[in-house]
Amino acid sequence: MAATVSALLWVGVVLIGGCGAVARLMLDTAVVSRMGREFPYGTLVVNLTGALLLGLVTGLTLSHDRSLLVGTAAVGSYTTFSTWMFETQRLDEERQHVSAALNIVLSVGFGVAAAALGRWIGTHS
C-alpha cells in the first residue's frame, strides 16, 4: 500500500509541478507585457509571490505529503532561482550594475519579508 501512495504522490508532484510552471510563465508574461524587459520585473513578482506562498505553507504546518505537493511541487516549480541569477548576471554584463544590485537587494530583502508575512498569516489562520 505504501508504494501505491508513494507513486500517487509522485504523480501529484508531476501534475502540480507542471501547473506551477505554467502559472509562472503566465504571470511573468503578464508582468513583462506591462512593465517591459529592461528590468526583470516578471521574475521579481513571481519569486516574491512564491516566497509569500511558501511562507504561508510553512505557517500552516501541513502534513508531510501536503507540504511536498504545495511547497515543493507547486511553489518550487512556480519560483525560479536560476532565472533570477541569469537575469542578474545579464544586467551586470550589460553594465547595468545598479539594476543588477537592485535586483539582488529587492529580491532578497522583499523575499525574506514576503516569506515572513506568509508564515505570519499561516500561523494566525
PDB file of N, CA and C in Angstrom:
ATOM      1  N   MET A   1       0.817  -1.197   0.000  1.00  0.00           N
ATOM      2  CA  MET A   1       0.000   0.000   0.000  1.00  0.00           C
ATOM      3  C   MET A   1       0.863   1.264   0.000  1.00  0.00           C
ATOM      4  N   ALA A   2       1.969   1.264   0.725  1.00  0.00           N
ATOM      5  CA  ALA A   2       2.828   2.449   0.790  1.00  0.00           C
ATOM      6  C   ALA A   2       3.397   2.792  -0.585  1.00  0.00           C
ATOM      7  N   ALA A   3       3.748   1.778  -1.393  1.00  0.00           N
ATOM      8  CA  ALA A   3       4.286   2.051  -2.725  1.00  0.00           C
ATOM      9  C   ALA A   3       3.238   2.711  -3.607  1.00  0.00           C
ATOM     10  N   THR A   4       1.969   2.306  -3.496  1.00  0.00           N
ATOM     11  CA  THR A   4       0.893   2.908  -4.276  1.00  0.00           C
ATOM     12  C   THR A   4       0.703   4.372  -3.885  1.00  0.00           C
ATOM     13  N   VAL A   5       0.695   4.644  -2.594  1.00  0.00           N
ATOM     14  CA  VAL A   5       0.560   6.020  -2.129  1.00  0.00           C
ATOM     15  C   VAL A   5       1.754   6.831  -2.606  1.00  0.00           C
ATOM     16  N   SER A   6       2.945   6.274  -2.527  1.00  0.00           N
ATOM     17  CA  SER A   6       4.132   6.976  -2.966  1.00  0.00           C
ATOM     18  C   SER A   6       4.068   7.282  -4.466  1.00  0.00           C
ATOM     19  N   ALA A   7       3.641   6.308  -5.259  1.00  0.00           N
ATOM     20  CA  ALA A   7       3.519   6.530  -6.699  1.00  0.00           C
ATOM     21  C   ALA A   7       2.462   7.592  -6.980  1.00  0.00           C
ATOM     22  N   LEU A   8       1.353   7.544  -6.259  1.00  0.00           N
ATOM     23  CA  LEU A   8       0.300   8.534  -6.429  1.00  0.00           C
ATOM     24  C   LEU A   8       0.793   9.928  -6.027  1.00  0.00           C
ATOM     25  N   LEU A   9       1.582   9.984  -4.975  1.00  0.00           N
ATOM     26  CA  LEU A   9       2.146  11.256  -4.540  1.00  0.00           C
ATOM     27  C   LEU A   9       3.064  11.833  -5.606  1.00  0.00           C
ATOM     28  N   TRP A  10       3.901  10.980  -6.218  1.00  0.00           N
ATOM     29  CA  TRP A  10       4.795  11.463  -7.270  1.00  0.00           C
ATOM     30  C   TRP A  10       4.029  11.906  -8.512  1.00  0.00           C
ATOM     31  N   VAL A  11       2.945  11.250  -8.819  1.00  0.00           N
ATOM     32  CA  VAL A  11       2.101  11.702  -9.935  1.00  0.00           C
ATOM     33  C   VAL A  11       1.550  13.085  -9.611  1.00  0.00           C
ATOM     34  N   GLY A  12       1.149  13.285  -8.359  1.00  0.00           N
ATOM     35  CA  GLY A  12       0.684  14.596  -7.921  1.00  0.00           C
ATOM     36  C   GLY A  12       1.763  15.648  -8.054  1.00  0.00           C
ATOM     37  N   VAL A  13       2.991  15.300  -7.682  1.00  0.00           N
ATOM     38  CA  VAL A  13       4.111  16.243  -7.808  1.00  0.00           C
ATOM     39  C   VAL A  13       4.308  16.643  -9.267  1.00  0.00           C
ATOM     40  N   VAL A  14       4.254  15.684 -10.163  1.00  0.00           N
ATOM     41  CA  VAL A  14       4.442  15.963 -11.585  1.00  0.00           C
ATOM     42  C   VAL A  14       3.331  16.867 -12.113  1.00  0.00           C
ATOM     43  N   LEU A  15       2.098  16.530 -11.813  1.00  0.00           N
ATOM     44  CA  LEU A  15       0.970  17.309 -12.333  1.00  0.00           C
ATOM     45  C   LEU A  15       0.913  18.711 -11.717  1.00  0.00           C
ATOM     46  N   ILE A  16       1.069  18.786 -10.415  1.00  0.00           N
ATOM     47  CA  ILE A  16       1.021  20.079  -9.745  1.00  0.00           C
ATOM     48  C   ILE A  16       2.243  20.923 -10.121  1.00  0.00           C
ATOM     49  N   GLY A  17       3.393  20.273 -10.239  1.00  0.00           N
ATOM     50  CA  GLY A  17       4.594  20.987 -10.667  1.00  0.00           C
ATOM     51  C   GLY A  17       4.426  21.592 -12.049  1.00  0.00           C
ATOM     52  N   GLY A  18       3.791  20.868 -12.940  1.00  0.00           N
ATOM     53  CA  GLY A  18       3.518  21.403 -14.274  1.00  0.00           C
ATOM     54  C   GLY A  18       2.612  22.621 -14.207  1.00  0.00           C
ATOM     55  N   CYS A  19       1.634  22.566 -13.339  1.00  0.00           N
ATOM     56  CA  CYS A  19       0.722  23.717 -13.171  1.00  0.00           C
ATOM     57  C   CYS A  19       1.473  24.923 -12.607  1.00  0.00           C
ATOM     58  N   GLY A  20       2.384  24.685 -11.673  1.00  0.00           N
ATOM     59  CA  GLY A  20       3.175  25.782 -11.108  1.00  0.00           C
ATOM     60  C   GLY A  20       4.042  26.440 -12.165  1.00  0.00           C
ATOM     61  N   ALA A  21       4.638  25.644 -13.030  1.00  0.00           N
ATOM     62  CA  ALA A  21       5.481  26.193 -14.094  1.00  0.00           C
ATOM     63  C   ALA A  21       4.655  27.003 -15.088  1.00  0.00           C
ATOM     64  N   VAL A  22       3.462  26.538 -15.406  1.00  0.00           N
ATOM     65  CA  VAL A  22       2.583  27.272 -16.318  1.00  0.00           C
ATOM     66  C   VAL A  22       2.137  28.583 -15.664  1.00  0.00           C
ATOM     67  N   ALA A  23       1.825  28.539 -14.378  1.00  0.00           N
ATOM     68  CA  ALA A  23       1.425  29.764 -13.664  1.00  0.00           C
ATOM     69  C   ALA A  23       2.564  30.785 -13.685  1.00  0.00           C
ATOM     70  N   ARG A  24       3.796  30.314 -13.497  1.00  0.00           N
ATOM     71  CA  ARG A  24       4.961  31.211 -13.558  1.00  0.00           C
ATOM     72  C   ARG A  24       5.047  31.875 -14.926  1.00  0.00           C
ATOM     73  N   LEU A  25       4.929  31.095 -15.970  1.00  0.00           N
ATOM     74  CA  LEU A  25       5.009  31.627 -17.328  1.00  0.00           C
ATOM     75  C   LEU A  25       3.914  32.658 -17.571  1.00  0.00           C
ATOM     76  N   MET A  26       2.713  32.365 -17.135  1.00  0.00           N
ATOM     77  CA  MET A  26       1.596  33.278 -17.365  1.00  0.00           C
ATOM     78  C   MET A  26       1.786  34.599 -16.617  1.00  0.00           C
ATOM     79  N   LEU A  27       2.184  34.518 -15.344  1.00  0.00           N
ATOM     80  CA  LEU A  27       2.372  35.742 -14.569  1.00  0.00           C
ATOM     81  C   LEU A  27       3.551  36.546 -15.103  1.00  0.00           C
ATOM     82  N   ASP A  28       4.662  35.871 -15.388  1.00  0.00           N
ATOM     83  CA  ASP A  28       5.835  36.561 -15.933  1.00  0.00           C
ATOM     84  C   ASP A  28       5.476  37.278 -17.241  1.00  0.00           C
ATOM     85  N   THR A  29       4.763  36.598 -18.113  1.00  0.00           N
ATOM     86  CA  THR A  29       4.369  37.183 -19.388  1.00  0.00           C
ATOM     87  C   THR A  29       3.475  38.402 -19.179  1.00  0.00           C
ATOM     88  N   ALA A  30       2.535  38.311 -18.254  1.00  0.00           N
ATOM     89  CA  ALA A  30       1.628  39.437 -17.983  1.00  0.00           C
ATOM     90  C   ALA A  30       2.394  40.640 -17.440  1.00  0.00           C
ATOM     91  N   VAL A  31       3.313  40.395 -16.512  1.00  0.00           N
ATOM     92  CA  VAL A  31       4.082  41.495 -15.926  1.00  0.00           C
ATOM     93  C   VAL A  31       4.998  42.122 -16.977  1.00  0.00           C
ATOM     94  N   VAL A  32       5.685  41.305 -17.750  1.00  0.00           N
ATOM     95  CA  VAL A  32       6.598  41.815 -18.775  1.00  0.00           C
ATOM     96  C   VAL A  32       5.847  42.617 -19.830  1.00  0.00           C
ATOM     97  N   SER A  33       4.640  42.183 -20.175  1.00  0.00           N
ATOM     98  CA  SER A  33       3.875  42.925 -21.183  1.00  0.00           C
ATOM     99  C   SER A  33       3.493  44.315 -20.692  1.00  0.00           C
ATOM    100  N   ARG A  34       3.390  44.480 -19.389  1.00  0.00           N
ATOM    101  CA  ARG A  34       3.042  45.791 -18.835  1.00  0.00           C
ATOM    102  C   ARG A  34       4.264  46.632 -18.482  1.00  0.00           C
ATOM    103  N   MET A  35       5.331  45.973 -18.026  1.00  0.00           N
ATOM    104  CA  MET A  35       6.487  46.697 -17.492  1.00  0.00           C
ATOM    105  C   MET A  35       7.684  46.732 -18.439  1.00  0.00           C
ATOM    106  N   GLY A  36       7.743  45.841 -19.400  1.00  0.00           N
ATOM    107  CA  GLY A  36       8.892  45.777 -20.294  1.00  0.00           C
ATOM    108  C   GLY A  36       9.961  44.826 -19.776  1.00  0.00           C
ATOM    109  N   ARG A  37      11.031  44.700 -20.556  1.00  0.00           N
ATOM    110  CA  ARG A  37      12.086  43.732 -20.248  1.00  0.00           C
ATOM    111  C   ARG A  37      13.387  44.346 -19.754  1.00  0.00           C
ATOM    112  N   GLU A  38      13.447  45.648 -19.614  1.00  0.00           N
ATOM    113  CA  GLU A  38      14.714  46.259 -19.204  1.00  0.00           C
ATOM    114  C   GLU A  38      15.138  45.813 -17.815  1.00  0.00           C
ATOM    115  N   PHE A  39      14.185  45.623 -16.940  1.00  0.00           N
ATOM    116  CA  PHE A  39      14.439  45.101 -15.592  1.00  0.00           C
ATOM    117  C   PHE A  39      13.577  43.855 -15.453  1.00  0.00           C
ATOM    118  N   PRO A  40      14.067  42.812 -14.792  1.00  0.00           N
ATOM    119  CA  PRO A  40      13.314  41.547 -14.711  1.00  0.00           C
ATOM    120  C   PRO A  40      12.155  41.593 -13.703  1.00  0.00           C
ATOM    121  N   TYR A  41      11.193  42.474 -13.972  1.00  0.00           N
ATOM    122  CA  TYR A  41      10.041  42.614 -13.083  1.00  0.00           C
ATOM    123  C   TYR A  41       9.235  41.328 -12.979  1.00  0.00           C
ATOM    124  N   GLY A  42       9.083  40.616 -14.085  1.00  0.00           N
ATOM    125  CA  GLY A  42       8.295  39.382 -14.075  1.00  0.00           C
ATOM    126  C   GLY A  42       8.847  38.365 -13.099  1.00  0.00           C
ATOM    127  N   THR A  43      10.143  38.131 -13.167  1.00  0.00           N
ATOM    128  CA  THR A  43      10.777  37.177 -12.258  1.00  0.00           C
ATOM    129  C   THR A  43      10.695  37.673 -10.814  1.00  0.00           C
ATOM    130  N   LEU A  44      10.861  38.963 -10.616  1.00  0.00           N
ATOM    131  CA  LEU A  44      10.767  39.530  -9.275  1.00  0.00           C
ATOM    132  C   LEU A  44       9.375  39.284  -8.688  1.00  0.00           C
ATOM    133  N   VAL A  45       8.335  39.567  -9.447  1.00  0.00           N
ATOM    134  CA  VAL A  45       6.966  39.359  -8.958  1.00  0.00           C
ATOM    135  C   VAL A  45       6.703  37.884  -8.688  1.00  0.00           C
ATOM    136  N   VAL A  46       7.124  37.030  -9.599  1.00  0.00           N
ATOM    137  CA  VAL A  46       6.943  35.589  -9.407  1.00  0.00           C
ATOM    138  C   VAL A  46       7.631  35.120  -8.125  1.00  0.00           C
ATOM    139  N   ASN A  47       8.892  35.484  -7.949  1.00  0.00           N
ATOM    140  CA  ASN A  47       9.625  34.999  -6.787  1.00  0.00           C
ATOM    141  C   ASN A  47       9.115  35.593  -5.482  1.00  0.00           C
ATOM    142  N   LEU A  48       8.671  36.841  -5.497  1.00  0.00           N
ATOM    143  CA  LEU A  48       8.124  37.424  -4.262  1.00  0.00           C
ATOM    144  C   LEU A  48       6.787  36.795  -3.893  1.00  0.00           C
ATOM    145  N   THR A  49       5.924  36.572  -4.873  1.00  0.00           N
ATOM    146  CA  THR A  49       4.660  35.902  -4.554  1.00  0.00           C
ATOM    147  C   THR A  49       4.910  34.450  -4.144  1.00  0.00           C
ATOM    148  N   GLY A  50       5.914  33.827  -4.733  1.00  0.00           N
ATOM    149  CA  GLY A  50       6.271  32.463  -4.336  1.00  0.00           C
ATOM    150  C   GLY A  50       6.800  32.416  -2.908  1.00  0.00           C
ATOM    151  N   ALA A  51       7.601  33.408  -2.515  1.00  0.00           N
ATOM    152  CA  ALA A  51       8.104  33.462  -1.135  1.00  0.00           C
ATOM    153  C   ALA A  51       6.949  33.639  -0.165  1.00  0.00           C
ATOM    154  N   LEU A  52       5.990  34.476  -0.522  1.00  0.00           N
ATOM    155  CA  LEU A  52       4.806  34.665   0.314  1.00  0.00           C
ATOM    156  C   LEU A  52       4.038  33.354   0.457  1.00  0.00           C
ATOM    157  N   LEU A  53       3.826  32.660  -0.652  1.00  0.00           N
ATOM    158  CA  LEU A  53       3.110  31.391  -0.620  1.00  0.00           C
ATOM    159  C   LEU A  53       3.849  30.325   0.182  1.00  0.00           C
ATOM    160  N   LEU A  54       5.167  30.247   0.005  1.00  0.00           N
ATOM    161  CA  LEU A  54       5.928  29.248   0.747  1.00  0.00           C
ATOM    162  C   LEU A  54       5.924  29.559   2.242  1.00  0.00           C
ATOM    163  N   GLY A  55       5.996  30.834   2.598  1.00  0.00           N
ATOM    164  CA  GLY A  55       5.864  31.210   3.997  1.00  0.00           C
ATOM    165  C   GLY A  55       4.509  30.814   4.548  1.00  0.00           C
ATOM    166  N   LEU A  56       3.458  31.014   3.754  1.00  0.00           N
ATOM    167  CA  LEU A  56       2.115  30.627   4.164  1.00  0.00           C
ATOM    168  C   LEU A  56       2.026  29.123   4.396  1.00  0.00           C
ATOM    169  N   VAL A  57       2.563  28.357   3.478  1.00  0.00           N
ATOM    170  CA  VAL A  57       2.562  26.895   3.602  1.00  0.00           C
ATOM    171  C   VAL A  57       3.289  26.473   4.885  1.00  0.00           C
ATOM    172  N   THR A  58       4.410  27.107   5.162  1.00  0.00           N
ATOM    173  CA  THR A  58       5.176  26.796   6.367  1.00  0.00           C
ATOM    174  C   THR A  58       4.369  27.135   7.615  1.00  0.00           C
ATOM    175  N   GLY A  59       3.726  28.295   7.595  1.00  0.00           N
ATOM    176  CA  GLY A  59       2.935  28.711   8.746  1.00  0.00           C
ATOM    177  C   GLY A  59       1.726  27.833   9.000  1.00  0.00           C
ATOM    178  N   LEU A  60       1.186  27.229   7.955  1.00  0.00           N
ATOM    179  CA  LEU A  60       0.011  26.374   8.105  1.00  0.00           C
ATOM    180  C   LEU A  60       0.354  25.014   8.698  1.00  0.00           C
ATOM    181  N   THR A  61       1.620  24.665   8.743  1.00  0.00           N
ATOM    182  CA  THR A  61       2.096  23.362   9.241  1.00  0.00           C
ATOM    183  C   THR A  61       1.268  22.203   8.667  1.00  0.00           C
ATOM    184  N   LEU A  62       1.335  22.064   7.369  1.00  0.00           N
ATOM    185  CA  LEU A  62       0.640  20.993   6.672  1.00  0.00           C
ATOM    186  C   LEU A  62       1.336  19.656   6.920  1.00  0.00           C
ATOM    187  N   SER A  63       0.651  18.585   6.603  1.00  0.00           N
ATOM    188  CA  SER A  63       1.261  17.262   6.697  1.00  0.00           C
ATOM    189  C   SER A  63       2.425  17.176   5.714  1.00  0.00           C
ATOM    190  N   HIS A  64       3.247  16.138   5.885  1.00  0.00           N
ATOM    191  CA  HIS A  64       4.410  15.972   5.007  1.00  0.00           C
ATOM    192  C   HIS A  64       3.996  15.886   3.539  1.00  0.00           C
ATOM    193  N   ASP A  65       3.002  15.069   3.238  1.00  0.00           N
ATOM    194  CA  ASP A  65       2.573  14.897   1.850  1.00  0.00           C
ATOM    195  C   ASP A  65       2.001  16.191   1.275  1.00  0.00           C
ATOM    196  N   ARG A  66       1.204  16.879   2.045  1.00  0.00           N
ATOM    197  CA  ARG A  66       0.634  18.137   1.558  1.00  0.00           C
ATOM    198  C   ARG A  66       1.717  19.196   1.397  1.00  0.00           C
ATOM    199  N   SER A  67       2.677  19.235   2.307  1.00  0.00           N
ATOM    200  CA  SER A  67       3.793  20.173   2.166  1.00  0.00           C
ATOM    201  C   SER A  67       4.586  19.883   0.904  1.00  0.00           C
ATOM    202  N   LEU A  68       4.793  18.609   0.615  1.00  0.00           N
ATOM    203  CA  LEU A  68       5.508  18.225  -0.603  1.00  0.00           C
ATOM    204  C   LEU A  68       4.747  18.681  -1.839  1.00  0.00           C
ATOM    205  N   LEU A  69       3.442  18.464  -1.848  1.00  0.00           N
ATOM    206  CA  LEU A  69       2.642  18.845  -3.016  1.00  0.00           C
ATOM    207  C   LEU A  69       2.533  20.362  -3.172  1.00  0.00           C
ATOM    208  N   VAL A  70       2.286  21.061  -2.093  1.00  0.00           N
ATOM    209  CA  VAL A  70       2.101  22.507  -2.192  1.00  0.00           C
ATOM    210  C   VAL A  70       3.441  23.233  -2.231  1.00  0.00           C
ATOM    211  N   GLY A  71       4.315  22.925  -1.282  1.00  0.00           N
ATOM    212  CA  GLY A  71       5.577  23.645  -1.179  1.00  0.00           C
ATOM    213  C   GLY A  71       6.570  23.300  -2.259  1.00  0.00           C
ATOM    214  N   THR A  72       6.824  22.029  -2.435  1.00  0.00           N
ATOM    215  CA  THR A  72       7.839  21.608  -3.397  1.00  0.00           C
ATOM    216  C   THR A  72       7.302  21.601  -4.825  1.00  0.00           C
ATOM    217  N   ALA A  73       6.176  20.939  -5.040  1.00  0.00           N
ATOM    218  CA  ALA A  73       5.667  20.809  -6.408  1.00  0.00           C
ATOM    219  C   ALA A  73       5.122  22.127  -6.934  1.00  0.00           C
ATOM    220  N   ALA A  74       4.186  22.727  -6.219  1.00  0.00           N
ATOM    221  CA  ALA A  74       3.536  23.935  -6.730  1.00  0.00           C
ATOM    222  C   ALA A  74       4.448  25.152  -6.647  1.00  0.00           C
ATOM    223  N   VAL A  75       4.890  25.494  -5.438  1.00  0.00           N
ATOM    224  CA  VAL A  75       5.684  26.713  -5.271  1.00  0.00           C
ATOM    225  C   VAL A  75       7.095  26.529  -5.828  1.00  0.00           C
ATOM    226  N   GLY A  76       7.667  25.353  -5.667  1.00  0.00           N
ATOM    227  CA  GLY A  76       9.007  25.105  -6.185  1.00  0.00           C
ATOM    228  C   GLY A  76       9.094  25.213  -7.693  1.00  0.00           C
ATOM    229  N   SER A  77       8.061  24.765  -8.390  1.00  0.00           N
ATOM    230  CA  SER A  77       8.074  24.882  -9.855  1.00  0.00           C
ATOM    231  C   SER A  77       7.631  26.265 -10.308  1.00  0.00           C
ATOM    232  N   TYR A  78       6.929  26.960  -9.452  1.00  0.00           N
ATOM    233  CA  TYR A  78       6.459  28.318  -9.765  1.00  0.00           C
ATOM    234  C   TYR A  78       7.591  29.337  -9.670  1.00  0.00           C
ATOM    235  N   THR A  79       8.406  29.233  -8.643  1.00  0.00           N
ATOM    236  CA  THR A  79       9.511  30.182  -8.456  1.00  0.00           C
ATOM    237  C   THR A  79      10.718  29.756  -9.277  1.00  0.00           C
ATOM    238  N   THR A  80      11.681  30.672  -9.408  1.00  0.00           N
ATOM    239  CA  THR A  80      12.828  30.356 -10.247  1.00  0.00           C
ATOM    240  C   THR A  80      14.085  31.076  -9.787  1.00  0.00           C
ATOM    241  N   PHE A  81      14.939  30.348  -9.114  1.00  0.00           N
ATOM    242  CA  PHE A  81      16.223  30.895  -8.675  1.00  0.00           C
ATOM    243  C   PHE A  81      17.171  31.059  -9.858  1.00  0.00           C
ATOM    244  N   SER A  82      17.185  30.089 -10.745  1.00  0.00           N
ATOM    245  CA  SER A  82      18.142  30.125 -11.858  1.00  0.00           C
ATOM    246  C   SER A  82      17.865  31.294 -12.804  1.00  0.00           C
ATOM    247  N   THR A  83      16.611  31.567 -13.094  1.00  0.00           N
ATOM    248  CA  THR A  83      16.293  32.705 -13.959  1.00  0.00           C
ATOM    249  C   THR A  83      16.697  34.008 -13.287  1.00  0.00           C
ATOM    250  N   TRP A  84      16.445  34.111 -11.998  1.00  0.00           N
ATOM    251  CA  TRP A  84      16.828  35.306 -11.239  1.00  0.00           C
ATOM    252  C   TRP A  84      18.336  35.542 -11.337  1.00  0.00           C
ATOM    253  N   MET A  85      19.128  34.494 -11.153  1.00  0.00           N
ATOM    254  CA  MET A  85      20.583  34.629 -11.237  1.00  0.00           C
ATOM    255  C   MET A  85      21.014  34.973 -12.661  1.00  0.00           C
ATOM    256  N   PHE A  86      20.408  34.324 -13.650  1.00  0.00           N
ATOM    257  CA  PHE A  86      20.758  34.591 -15.047  1.00  0.00           C
ATOM    258  C   PHE A  86      20.449  36.043 -15.412  1.00  0.00           C
ATOM    259  N   GLU A  87      19.270  36.527 -15.009  1.00  0.00           N
ATOM    260  CA  GLU A  87      18.902  37.900 -15.339  1.00  0.00           C
ATOM    261  C   GLU A  87      19.795  38.911 -14.610  1.00  0.00           C
ATOM    262  N   THR A  88      20.184  38.589 -13.400  1.00  0.00           N
ATOM    263  CA  THR A  88      21.091  39.473 -12.664  1.00  0.00           C
ATOM    264  C   THR A  88      22.452  39.520 -13.348  1.00  0.00           C
ATOM    265  N   GLN A  89      22.946  38.378 -13.775  1.00  0.00           N
ATOM    266  CA  GLN A  89      24.221  38.329 -14.485  1.00  0.00           C
ATOM    267  C   GLN A  89      24.133  39.082 -15.808  1.00  0.00           C
ATOM    268  N   ARG A  90      23.015  38.940 -16.523  1.00  0.00           N
ATOM    269  CA  ARG A  90      22.811  39.655 -17.784  1.00  0.00           C
ATOM    270  C   ARG A  90      22.855  41.165 -17.559  1.00  0.00           C
ATOM    271  N   LEU A  91      22.188  41.639 -16.532  1.00  0.00           N
ATOM    272  CA  LEU A  91      22.216  43.070 -16.221  1.00  0.00           C
ATOM    273  C   LEU A  91      23.645  43.533 -15.953  1.00  0.00           C
ATOM    274  N   ASP A  92      24.371  42.739 -15.209  1.00  0.00           N
ATOM    275  CA  ASP A  92      25.758  43.095 -14.900  1.00  0.00           C
ATOM    276  C   ASP A  92      26.619  43.109 -16.163  1.00  0.00           C
ATOM    277  N   GLU A  93      26.471  42.116 -17.022  1.00  0.00           N
ATOM    278  CA  GLU A  93      27.232  42.071 -18.277  1.00  0.00           C
ATOM    279  C   GLU A  93      26.899  43.247 -19.178  1.00  0.00           C
ATOM    280  N   GLU A  94      25.676  43.727 -19.113  1.00  0.00           N
ATOM    281  CA  GLU A  94      25.265  44.879 -19.918  1.00  0.00           C
ATOM    282  C   GLU A  94      25.626  46.196 -19.230  1.00  0.00           C
ATOM    283  N   ARG A  95      26.439  46.092 -18.211  1.00  0.00           N
ATOM    284  CA  ARG A  95      26.910  47.249 -17.441  1.00  0.00           C
ATOM    285  C   ARG A  95      25.786  48.030 -16.775  1.00  0.00           C
ATOM    286  N   GLN A  96      24.729  47.331 -16.471  1.00  0.00           N
ATOM    287  CA  GLN A  96      23.626  47.910 -15.713  1.00  0.00           C
ATOM    288  C   GLN A  96      23.809  47.502 -14.248  1.00  0.00           C
ATOM    289  N   HIS A  97      24.922  47.932 -13.680  1.00  0.00           N
ATOM    290  CA  HIS A  97      25.322  47.481 -12.348  1.00  0.00           C
ATOM    291  C   HIS A  97      24.321  47.875 -11.269  1.00  0.00           C
ATOM    292  N   VAL A  98      23.758  49.059 -11.379  1.00  0.00           N
ATOM    293  CA  VAL A  98      22.762  49.494 -10.384  1.00  0.00           C
ATOM    294  C   VAL A  98      21.528  48.598 -10.460  1.00  0.00           C
ATOM    295  N   SER A  99      21.072  48.305 -11.665  1.00  0.00           N
ATOM    296  CA  SER A  99      19.912  47.422 -11.821  1.00  0.00           C
ATOM    297  C   SER A  99      20.218  46.012 -11.322  1.00  0.00           C
ATOM    298  N   ALA A 100      21.409  45.520 -11.572  1.00  0.00           N
ATOM    299  CA  ALA A 100      21.793  44.189 -11.089  1.00  0.00           C
ATOM    300  C   ALA A 100      21.788  44.156  -9.560  1.00  0.00           C
ATOM    301  N   ALA A 101      22.386  45.172  -8.945  1.00  0.00           N
ATOM    302  CA  ALA A 101      22.401  45.243  -7.480  1.00  0.00           C
ATOM    303  C   ALA A 101      20.992  45.409  -6.930  1.00  0.00           C
ATOM    304  N   LEU A 102      20.190  46.226  -7.595  1.00  0.00           N
ATOM    305  CA  LEU A 102      18.815  46.434  -7.163  1.00  0.00           C
ATOM    306  C   LEU A 102      18.016  45.140  -7.250  1.00  0.00           C
ATOM    307  N   ASN A 103      18.243  44.363  -8.286  1.00  0.00           N
ATOM    308  CA  ASN A 103      17.569  43.073  -8.430  1.00  0.00           C
ATOM    309  C   ASN A 103      17.908  42.144  -7.269  1.00  0.00           C
ATOM    310  N   ILE A 104      19.154  42.140  -6.859  1.00  0.00           N
ATOM    311  CA  ILE A 104      19.560  41.297  -5.730  1.00  0.00           C
ATOM    312  C   ILE A 104      18.932  41.805  -4.434  1.00  0.00           C
ATOM    313  N   VAL A 105      19.066  43.086  -4.180  1.00  0.00           N
ATOM    314  CA  VAL A 105      18.569  43.662  -2.927  1.00  0.00           C
ATOM    315  C   VAL A 105      17.049  43.518  -2.819  1.00  0.00           C
ATOM    316  N   LEU A 106      16.334  43.866  -3.886  1.00  0.00           N
ATOM    317  CA  LEU A 106      14.872  43.753  -3.853  1.00  0.00           C
ATOM    318  C   LEU A 106      14.422  42.305  -3.687  1.00  0.00           C
ATOM    319  N   SER A 107      15.042  41.409  -4.440  1.00  0.00           N
ATOM    320  CA  SER A 107      14.644  40.006  -4.386  1.00  0.00           C
ATOM    321  C   SER A 107      14.896  39.394  -3.012  1.00  0.00           C
ATOM    322  N   VAL A 108      16.063  39.637  -2.465  1.00  0.00           N
ATOM    323  CA  VAL A 108      16.397  39.048  -1.164  1.00  0.00           C
ATOM    324  C   VAL A 108      15.634  39.754  -0.037  1.00  0.00           C
ATOM    325  N   GLY A 109      15.685  41.086  -0.028  1.00  0.00           N
ATOM    326  CA  GLY A 109      15.039  41.830   1.052  1.00  0.00           C
ATOM    327  C   GLY A 109      13.537  41.617   1.094  1.00  0.00           C
ATOM    328  N   PHE A 110      12.878  41.861  -0.028  1.00  0.00           N
ATOM    329  CA  PHE A 110      11.434  41.687  -0.062  1.00  0.00           C
ATOM    330  C   PHE A 110      11.041  40.208  -0.027  1.00  0.00           C
ATOM    331  N   GLY A 111      11.913  39.329  -0.541  1.00  0.00           N
ATOM    332  CA  GLY A 111      11.630  37.894  -0.482  1.00  0.00           C
ATOM    333  C   GLY A 111      11.576  37.383   0.944  1.00  0.00           C
ATOM    334  N   VAL A 112      12.527  37.798   1.765  1.00  0.00           N
ATOM    335  CA  VAL A 112      12.521  37.403   3.176  1.00  0.00           C
ATOM    336  C   VAL A 112      11.294  37.994   3.875  1.00  0.00           C
ATOM    337  N   ALA A 113      10.993  39.243   3.570  1.00  0.00           N
ATOM    338  CA  ALA A 113       9.821  39.884   4.178  1.00  0.00           C
ATOM    339  C   ALA A 113       8.524  39.189   3.744  1.00  0.00           C
ATOM    340  N   ALA A 114       8.426  38.829   2.464  1.00  0.00           N
ATOM    341  CA  ALA A 114       7.228  38.142   1.969  1.00  0.00           C
ATOM    342  C   ALA A 114       7.073  36.774   2.619  1.00  0.00           C
ATOM    343  N   ALA A 115       8.169  36.049   2.760  1.00  0.00           N
ATOM    344  CA  ALA A 115       8.109  34.740   3.419  1.00  0.00           C
ATOM    345  C   ALA A 115       7.683  34.886   4.883  1.00  0.00           C
ATOM    346  N   ALA A 116       8.218  35.879   5.559  1.00  0.00           N
ATOM    347  CA  ALA A 116       7.846  36.114   6.961  1.00  0.00           C
ATOM    348  C   ALA A 116       6.368  36.487   7.066  1.00  0.00           C
ATOM    349  N   LEU A 117       5.890  37.331   6.156  1.00  0.00           N
ATOM    350  CA  LEU A 117       4.482  37.713   6.162  1.00  0.00           C
ATOM    351  C   LEU A 117       3.597  36.495   5.902  1.00  0.00           C
ATOM    352  N   GLY A 118       3.964  35.699   4.925  1.00  0.00           N
ATOM    353  CA  GLY A 118       3.199  34.490   4.630  1.00  0.00           C
ATOM    354  C   GLY A 118       3.156  33.547   5.811  1.00  0.00           C
ATOM    355  N   ARG A 119       4.291  33.380   6.465  1.00  0.00           N
ATOM    356  CA  ARG A 119       4.327  32.498   7.636  1.00  0.00           C
ATOM    357  C   ARG A 119       3.462  33.058   8.756  1.00  0.00           C
ATOM    358  N   TRP A 120       3.519  34.372   8.948  1.00  0.00           N
ATOM    359  CA  TRP A 120       2.701  35.001   9.992  1.00  0.00           C
ATOM    360  C   TRP A 120       1.216  34.781   9.689  1.00  0.00           C
ATOM    361  N   ILE A 121       0.832  34.988   8.424  1.00  0.00           N
ATOM    362  CA  ILE A 121      -0.567  34.767   8.033  1.00  0.00           C
ATOM    363  C   ILE A 121      -0.952  33.306   8.282  1.00  0.00           C
ATOM    364  N   GLY A 122      -0.070  32.391   7.905  1.00  0.00           N
ATOM    365  CA  GLY A 122      -0.358  30.967   8.090  1.00  0.00           C
ATOM    366  C   GLY A 122      -0.509  30.575   9.548  1.00  0.00           C
ATOM    367  N   THR A 123       0.306  31.124  10.406  1.00  0.00           N
ATOM    368  CA  THR A 123       0.215  30.756  11.826  1.00  0.00           C
ATOM    369  C   THR A 123      -0.960  31.422  12.524  1.00  0.00           C
ATOM    370  N   HIS A 124      -1.514  32.463  11.906  1.00  0.00           N
ATOM    371  CA  HIS A 124      -2.653  33.164  12.516  1.00  0.00           C
ATOM    372  C   HIS A 124      -3.967  32.858  11.809  1.00  0.00           C
ATOM    373  N   SER A 125      -3.981  31.813  10.991  1.00  0.00           N
ATOM    374  CA  SER A 125      -5.203  31.440  10.275  1.00  0.00           C
ATOM    375  C   SER A 125      -6.028  30.476  11.083  1.00  0.00           C
TER     376      SER A 125
END
